[in-house]
């Protein structure tokens, strides 16, 4: 993808400092919008004012945003504070109205990212338009769907792109509202290092008490910035009240963050780090060798099953294996989800090896 550096179109951000965007989940009134924006203007790190105008809701009859009536309020924020403004769009009509009212940055929400037809509609409506667009990860943990949305916009000529990590919906109850699954945004960062990546701790946590913790994690992972829902009176917010903070709390959170450096000038640290990386390289090579040996054994198992006319997949055996491996991993201090993910992949590969041999034997 061809990406334009944020430093070319976000002039009020500091080199080396995180990009910070803040504002209410929803624009509720002119007074609420302006009160929030003026308070945010006093926080040096905040570069962009965000507010939801159209709110996609799971169930009908919930507050779905004020719509077009709130767009002039964003224009007034720009005029009064000098902050850039951004809001969410989900249709070509939303895009048209935002462009008409001078919105600086558009963002595509998680529900929209999950629908390639909707993303393509927005991309088509932006052909020939030079405007930054931010893309939140889809609600489900699908990196390719996220990349696909970014690519659709890029193919329409949008080069001012930002990815936003807001976590992924899961069925089980966790500490957070949405599972961060940090490996997915990190994989995106590895694939597209030039693509700015922001973290949305408000939607990841769903709880204002946990926002600082996730902000620090994002900084530790070298993310490029934060987008944090901020409201003058969060408990009275019309939507997502529990995950919004006051401007004062936002300022405290930002001041508390420690920022990591990519490199150190300390020679002893560098030498020690190189030694540890060599250990990792050796262990990785041993791991690959072990996986190859395991595949060889799976191959022999498949051949033995073919001779005895036994099925390739044996569910009871896999269930027993998974329980034993997870128990052993937990005793070693490894994360249970990590163990499950690894052995799910190993099992999938083992089944593939066996089914391939079964197919060859039929021929």
Protein backbone atom coordinates (compact mmCIF):
# COMPACT_ATOMS: atom_id res chain seq x y z
CA UNK A 1 0.00 0.00 0.00
CA UNK A 2 1.07 3.56 -0.65
CA UNK A 3 0.81 5.50 2.63
CA UNK A 4 1.37 9.23 3.26
CA UNK A 5 3.14 9.98 6.55
CA UNK A 6 0.90 11.51 9.22
CA UNK A 7 3.49 14.23 9.78
CA UNK A 8 2.52 15.61 6.37
CA UNK A 9 -1.16 16.03 7.24
CA UNK A 10 -1.25 16.21 11.05
CA UNK A 11 0.81 19.35 11.59
CA UNK A 12 -0.20 19.77 15.23
CA UNK A 13 1.41 16.47 16.31
CA UNK A 14 4.92 16.32 17.72
CA UNK A 15 7.64 14.17 16.15
CA UNK A 16 8.20 11.16 18.39
CA UNK A 17 5.03 11.76 20.43
CA UNK A 18 1.88 9.64 20.14
CA UNK A 19 -1.02 10.90 18.05
CA UNK A 20 -3.91 11.56 20.44
CA UNK A 21 -7.54 11.86 19.39
CA UNK A 22 -10.27 12.44 21.96
CA UNK A 23 -13.88 13.44 22.33
CA UNK A 24 -17.28 12.05 23.26
CA UNK A 25 -18.65 8.75 22.05
CA UNK A 26 -21.62 10.70 20.71
CA UNK A 27 -22.28 14.35 19.93
CA UNK A 28 -25.26 15.05 22.20
CA UNK A 29 -25.66 18.84 22.07
CA UNK A 30 -23.79 21.89 20.85
CA UNK A 31 -22.92 22.81 24.45
CA UNK A 32 -21.57 19.33 25.23
CA UNK A 33 -19.45 19.26 22.07
CA UNK A 34 -17.98 22.73 22.60
CA UNK A 35 -17.36 22.23 26.34
CA UNK A 36 -15.45 19.02 25.63
CA UNK A 37 -13.49 20.48 22.71
CA UNK A 38 -12.39 23.56 24.65
CA UNK A 39 -11.21 21.42 27.54
CA UNK A 40 -9.31 19.13 25.16
CA UNK A 41 -7.67 22.12 23.49
CA UNK A 42 -5.91 22.77 26.82
CA UNK A 43 -4.28 19.31 26.67
CA UNK A 44 -1.19 19.76 24.52
CA UNK A 45 -1.06 16.16 23.29
CA UNK A 46 -4.57 16.16 21.78
CA UNK A 47 -4.48 16.82 18.03
CA UNK A 48 -7.92 15.67 16.85
CA UNK A 49 -11.45 16.00 18.24
CA UNK A 50 -13.61 12.91 17.68
CA UNK A 51 -17.37 12.58 18.08
CA UNK A 52 -19.93 10.07 16.81
CA UNK A 53 -22.66 11.56 14.64
CA UNK A 54 -24.15 8.32 13.34
CA UNK A 55 -24.10 5.45 15.86
CA UNK A 56 -24.67 1.89 14.59
CA UNK A 57 -26.52 0.09 17.38
CA UNK A 58 -27.14 -3.63 17.88
CA UNK A 59 -30.80 -3.18 18.76
CA UNK A 60 -33.38 -0.66 17.40
CA UNK A 61 -34.77 2.14 19.56
CA UNK A 62 -31.36 2.84 21.12
CA UNK A 63 -29.74 6.24 20.60
CA UNK A 64 -28.31 6.16 17.06
CA UNK A 65 -26.75 9.62 16.96
CA UNK A 66 -28.11 13.00 15.97
CA UNK A 67 -26.95 12.73 12.37
CA UNK A 68 -26.50 15.70 10.05
CA UNK A 69 -27.71 18.24 12.61
CA UNK A 70 -24.46 17.73 14.58
CA UNK A 71 -22.06 18.27 11.68
CA UNK A 72 -22.02 22.09 11.94
CA UNK A 73 -20.96 21.68 15.56
CA UNK A 74 -17.75 19.99 14.40
CA UNK A 75 -17.13 22.91 12.05
CA UNK A 76 -17.48 25.23 15.04
CA UNK A 77 -14.98 23.11 17.00
CA UNK A 78 -12.44 23.62 14.20
CA UNK A 79 -13.10 27.36 14.15
CA UNK A 80 -12.94 27.86 17.93
CA UNK A 81 -10.11 25.48 18.89
CA UNK A 82 -8.07 24.77 15.76
CA UNK A 83 -8.35 21.04 16.43
CA UNK A 84 -8.94 18.76 13.46
CA UNK A 85 -12.27 16.90 13.63
CA UNK A 86 -13.25 13.35 12.80
CA UNK A 87 -16.42 11.27 12.81
CA UNK A 88 -17.56 7.81 11.78
CA UNK A 89 -19.10 7.09 8.37
CA UNK A 90 -20.89 3.97 7.25
CA UNK A 91 -22.44 4.94 3.89
CA UNK A 92 -21.68 7.03 0.84
CA UNK A 93 -24.32 9.52 2.02
CA UNK A 94 -22.44 9.98 5.30
CA UNK A 95 -19.27 10.67 3.32
CA UNK A 96 -21.05 13.24 1.15
CA UNK A 97 -22.39 15.11 4.19
CA UNK A 98 -19.02 15.07 5.98
CA UNK A 99 -17.22 16.46 2.96
CA UNK A 100 -19.88 19.14 2.63
CA UNK A 101 -19.34 20.25 6.24
CA UNK A 102 -15.55 20.19 6.14
CA UNK A 103 -14.84 17.19 8.38
CA UNK A 104 -11.06 16.66 8.33
CA UNK A 105 -10.79 12.90 8.90
CA UNK A 106 -13.27 10.07 8.41
CA UNK A 107 -13.27 6.79 10.27
CA UNK A 108 -14.83 3.47 9.39
CA UNK A 109 -16.20 1.53 12.35
CA UNK A 110 -15.71 -2.13 13.20
CA UNK A 111 -19.16 -3.21 12.01
CA UNK A 112 -18.65 -1.51 8.65
CA UNK A 113 -15.11 -2.88 8.21
CA UNK A 114 -16.60 -6.38 8.50
CA UNK A 115 -18.70 -5.79 5.34
CA UNK A 116 -16.63 -5.50 2.13
CA UNK A 117 -19.66 -4.17 0.20
CA UNK A 118 -20.03 -1.26 2.63
CA UNK A 119 -16.31 -0.51 2.56
CA UNK A 120 -16.31 -0.57 -1.23
CA UNK A 121 -19.26 1.83 -1.33
CA UNK A 122 -17.33 4.27 0.86
CA UNK A 123 -14.14 3.76 -1.18
CA UNK A 124 -16.00 4.47 -4.43
CA UNK A 125 -17.50 7.65 -2.97
CA UNK A 126 -13.99 8.88 -2.08
CA UNK A 127 -12.40 8.52 -5.52
CA UNK A 128 -10.67 11.77 -6.36
CA UNK A 129 -10.98 13.04 -2.77
CA UNK A 130 -7.85 13.81 -0.75
CA UNK A 131 -8.95 13.09 2.84
CA UNK A 132 -7.51 10.93 5.63
CA UNK A 133 -9.47 7.80 6.54
CA UNK A 134 -9.09 5.65 9.64
CA UNK A 135 -10.17 2.02 9.63
CA UNK A 136 -11.04 0.13 12.78
CA UNK A 137 -10.44 -3.61 12.91
CA UNK A 138 -13.51 -5.73 12.13
CA UNK A 139 -15.49 -7.03 15.11
CA UNK A 140 -14.25 -10.57 14.39
CA UNK A 141 -10.57 -11.51 14.60
CA UNK A 142 -9.87 -11.50 10.85
CA UNK A 143 -6.66 -9.73 9.87
CA UNK A 144 -7.24 -10.24 6.14
CA UNK A 145 -10.64 -8.51 6.38
CA UNK A 146 -8.96 -5.55 8.08
CA UNK A 147 -6.22 -5.42 5.45
CA UNK A 148 -8.82 -5.77 2.69
CA UNK A 149 -10.71 -2.70 3.90
CA UNK A 150 -7.51 -0.65 3.94
CA UNK A 151 -6.59 -1.90 0.46
CA UNK A 152 -10.00 -1.01 -0.97
CA UNK A 153 -9.54 2.59 0.18
CA UNK A 154 -5.96 2.66 -1.04
CA UNK A 155 -7.02 1.45 -4.48
CA UNK A 156 -9.49 4.36 -4.61
CA UNK A 157 -6.60 6.77 -4.15
CA UNK A 158 -6.69 7.26 -0.38
CA UNK A 159 -3.08 7.31 0.88
CA UNK A 160 -3.67 9.10 4.20
CA UNK A 161 -4.64 5.95 6.06
CA UNK A 162 -4.61 5.00 9.74
CA UNK A 163 -5.54 1.65 11.29
CA UNK A 164 -7.33 1.63 14.66
CA UNK A 165 -7.13 -1.37 17.00
CA UNK A 166 -10.32 -1.56 19.10
CA UNK A 167 -10.28 -5.23 20.08
CA UNK A 168 -12.40 -8.17 18.93
CA UNK A 169 -15.78 -9.48 20.05
CA UNK A 170 -15.69 -12.84 21.82
CA UNK A 171 -18.42 -14.99 23.34
CA UNK A 172 -16.78 -15.62 26.71
CA UNK A 173 -16.67 -12.96 29.44
CA UNK A 174 -13.20 -11.47 29.82
CA UNK A 175 -11.56 -8.69 31.80
CA UNK A 176 -12.17 -6.38 28.86
CA UNK A 177 -15.23 -5.63 26.77
CA UNK A 178 -13.34 -6.72 23.63
CA UNK A 179 -10.36 -9.07 23.48
CA UNK A 180 -7.22 -7.11 22.44
CA UNK A 181 -5.58 -10.13 20.75
CA UNK A 182 -2.43 -7.99 20.49
CA UNK A 183 -0.76 -10.37 18.04
CA UNK A 184 -3.21 -9.30 15.28
CA UNK A 185 -2.42 -5.55 15.27
CA UNK A 186 1.27 -6.43 15.71
CA UNK A 187 1.10 -8.64 12.63
CA UNK A 188 -0.51 -5.74 10.74
CA UNK A 189 2.34 -3.48 11.90
CA UNK A 190 4.93 -5.98 10.68
CA UNK A 191 3.24 -6.33 7.28
CA UNK A 192 2.77 -2.57 6.82
CA UNK A 193 5.33 -0.70 8.98
CA UNK A 194 4.54 2.58 7.21
CA UNK A 195 0.85 2.38 8.23
CA UNK A 196 0.09 4.37 11.42
CA UNK A 197 -1.61 2.23 14.06
CA UNK A 198 -3.69 3.74 16.86
CA UNK A 199 -5.17 1.99 19.88
CA UNK A 200 -8.77 2.54 21.03
CA UNK A 201 -8.61 1.61 24.74
CA UNK A 202 -12.18 2.83 25.32
CA UNK A 203 -13.69 0.07 23.18
CA UNK A 204 -11.15 -2.55 24.22
CA UNK A 205 -11.83 -2.09 27.94
CA UNK A 206 -15.42 -0.89 28.15
CA UNK A 207 -14.39 0.43 31.58
CA UNK A 208 -12.74 3.76 32.27
CA UNK A 209 -10.76 2.26 35.19
CA UNK A 210 -8.79 0.04 32.79
CA UNK A 211 -8.03 2.62 30.09
CA UNK A 212 -4.65 3.70 31.47
CA UNK A 213 -3.49 0.07 31.60
CA UNK A 214 -4.32 -0.51 27.93
CA UNK A 215 -2.85 2.86 26.88
CA UNK A 216 0.46 1.87 28.46
CA UNK A 217 0.34 -1.53 26.75
CA UNK A 218 -0.19 0.23 23.41
CA UNK A 219 2.83 2.46 24.06
CA UNK A 220 4.92 -0.56 25.09
CA UNK A 221 4.05 -2.15 21.75
CA UNK A 222 5.16 1.01 19.92
CA UNK A 223 1.73 1.92 18.59
CA UNK A 224 1.54 5.35 17.00
CA UNK A 225 -1.22 6.86 19.11
CA UNK A 226 -4.48 6.65 21.01
CA UNK A 227 -8.14 7.48 20.42
CA UNK A 228 -9.92 7.89 23.75
CA UNK A 229 -13.57 8.67 24.40
CA UNK A 230 -13.83 11.79 26.58
CA UNK A 231 -16.93 13.45 28.02
CA UNK A 232 -17.41 16.34 30.48
CA UNK A 233 -19.81 14.20 32.55
CA UNK A 234 -19.29 10.55 31.52
CA UNK A 235 -21.92 9.03 33.82
CA UNK A 236 -24.61 11.06 32.02
CA UNK A 237 -23.41 10.17 28.49
CA UNK A 238 -26.10 9.01 26.09
CA UNK A 239 -23.97 6.09 24.86
CA UNK A 240 -21.12 3.97 26.28
CA UNK A 241 -21.03 5.94 29.54
CA UNK A 242 -18.84 3.44 31.40
CA UNK A 243 -15.91 3.70 28.97
CA UNK A 244 -15.59 7.49 28.78
CA UNK A 245 -13.29 9.68 30.88
CA UNK A 246 -13.32 13.36 31.77
CA UNK A 247 -10.83 15.72 30.09
CA UNK A 248 -9.00 15.97 33.44
CA UNK A 249 -8.69 12.19 33.69
CA UNK A 250 -7.51 12.03 30.08
CA UNK A 251 -4.77 14.54 30.89
CA UNK A 252 -3.71 12.44 33.88
CA UNK A 253 -3.64 9.26 31.81
CA UNK A 254 -1.51 10.85 29.10
CA UNK A 255 0.89 12.32 31.66
CA UNK A 256 1.30 8.92 33.34
CA UNK A 257 2.42 7.07 30.22
CA UNK A 258 6.04 6.05 29.79
CA UNK A 259 7.32 5.88 26.23
CA UNK A 260 9.78 3.24 25.14
CA UNK A 261 12.74 3.85 22.82
CA UNK A 262 13.43 1.57 19.88
CA UNK A 263 17.17 1.44 20.64
CA UNK A 264 19.59 2.16 23.47
CA UNK A 265 23.07 3.68 23.44
CA UNK A 266 24.08 1.50 26.40
CA UNK A 267 26.67 -0.95 24.97
CA UNK A 268 26.22 -3.54 27.74
CA UNK A 269 22.46 -3.57 27.12
CA UNK A 270 23.01 -4.00 23.38
CA UNK A 271 25.46 -6.88 23.88
CA UNK A 272 23.14 -8.59 26.36
CA UNK A 273 20.19 -8.17 23.99
CA UNK A 274 22.18 -9.68 21.12
CA UNK A 275 23.10 -12.70 23.29
CA UNK A 276 19.45 -13.23 24.23
CA UNK A 277 18.38 -12.93 20.59
CA UNK A 278 20.92 -15.60 19.65
CA UNK A 279 19.32 -17.85 22.24
CA UNK A 280 15.91 -17.19 20.70
CA UNK A 281 17.30 -18.04 17.24
CA UNK A 282 18.70 -21.35 18.50
CA UNK A 283 15.46 -22.24 20.28
CA UNK A 284 13.41 -21.36 17.19
CA UNK A 285 15.60 -23.60 15.03
CA UNK A 286 15.21 -26.43 17.54
CA UNK A 287 11.46 -25.88 17.55
CA UNK A 288 11.31 -26.07 13.73
CA UNK A 289 13.40 -29.25 13.78
CA UNK A 290 11.06 -30.76 16.39
CA UNK A 291 8.00 -29.86 14.31
CA UNK A 292 9.59 -31.57 11.30
CA UNK A 293 10.26 -34.71 13.34
CA UNK A 294 6.67 -34.64 14.55
CA UNK A 295 5.39 -34.35 10.96
CA UNK A 296 7.48 -37.40 10.05
CA UNK A 297 5.80 -39.38 12.84
CA UNK A 298 2.36 -38.19 11.70
CA UNK A 299 3.23 -39.42 8.21
CA UNK A 300 4.02 -42.89 9.64
CA UNK A 301 0.75 -42.86 11.63
CA UNK A 302 -1.19 -42.05 8.44
CA UNK A 303 0.43 -44.94 6.57
CA UNK A 304 -0.37 -47.32 9.44
CA UNK A 305 -4.01 -46.15 9.44
CA UNK A 306 -4.27 -46.68 5.69
CA UNK A 307 -3.03 -50.25 6.05
CA UNK A 308 -5.66 -50.95 8.73
CA UNK A 309 -8.45 -48.93 7.04
CA UNK A 310 -8.75 -46.56 10.04
CA UNK A 311 -10.10 -42.99 9.70
CA UNK A 312 -7.68 -40.08 9.63
CA UNK A 313 -9.57 -37.98 12.20
CA UNK A 314 -10.13 -39.38 15.69
CA UNK A 315 -11.91 -36.79 17.81
CA UNK A 316 -11.60 -38.52 21.17
CA UNK A 317 -7.84 -38.82 20.75
CA UNK A 318 -7.56 -35.11 19.93
CA UNK A 319 -9.69 -34.08 22.93
CA UNK A 320 -7.51 -36.15 25.23
CA UNK A 321 -4.31 -34.79 23.66
CA UNK A 322 -5.49 -31.19 23.96
CA UNK A 323 -6.38 -31.58 27.64
CA UNK A 324 -3.03 -33.18 28.44
CA UNK A 325 -1.04 -30.53 26.54
CA UNK A 326 -2.96 -27.64 28.09
CA UNK A 327 -2.53 -29.04 31.60
CA UNK A 328 1.20 -29.53 31.00
CA UNK A 329 1.55 -26.03 29.54
CA UNK A 330 -0.26 -24.39 32.46
CA UNK A 331 2.04 -26.21 34.91
CA UNK A 332 4.98 -24.72 33.02
CA UNK A 333 3.50 -21.26 33.46
CA UNK A 334 2.31 -20.84 29.87
CA UNK A 335 -0.92 -19.09 28.92
CA UNK A 336 -3.80 -21.52 28.34
CA UNK A 337 -5.11 -19.72 25.27
CA UNK A 338 -1.61 -19.66 23.81
CA UNK A 339 -1.25 -23.45 24.24
CA UNK A 340 -4.67 -24.07 22.70
CA UNK A 341 -3.90 -21.88 19.70
CA UNK A 342 -0.58 -23.63 19.06
CA UNK A 343 -1.97 -27.17 19.32
CA UNK A 344 -5.05 -26.29 17.26
CA UNK A 345 -2.63 -25.28 14.47
CA UNK A 346 -0.46 -28.37 14.98
CA UNK A 347 -3.51 -30.63 14.91
CA UNK A 348 -4.84 -28.95 11.77
CA UNK A 349 -1.50 -29.58 10.05
CA UNK A 350 -1.46 -33.20 11.25
CA UNK A 351 -4.94 -33.84 9.86
CA UNK A 352 -3.90 -32.21 6.58
CA UNK A 353 -0.85 -34.51 6.29
CA UNK A 354 -3.01 -37.56 6.92
CA UNK A 355 -5.85 -36.60 4.58
CA UNK A 356 -3.36 -35.82 1.79
CA UNK A 357 -1.88 -39.32 2.14
CA UNK A 358 -5.36 -40.85 2.20
CA UNK A 359 -6.20 -39.04 -1.06
CA UNK A 360 -2.98 -40.23 -2.71
CA UNK A 361 -3.73 -43.78 -1.61
CA UNK A 362 -7.16 -43.64 -3.31
CA UNK A 363 -5.50 -42.79 -6.61
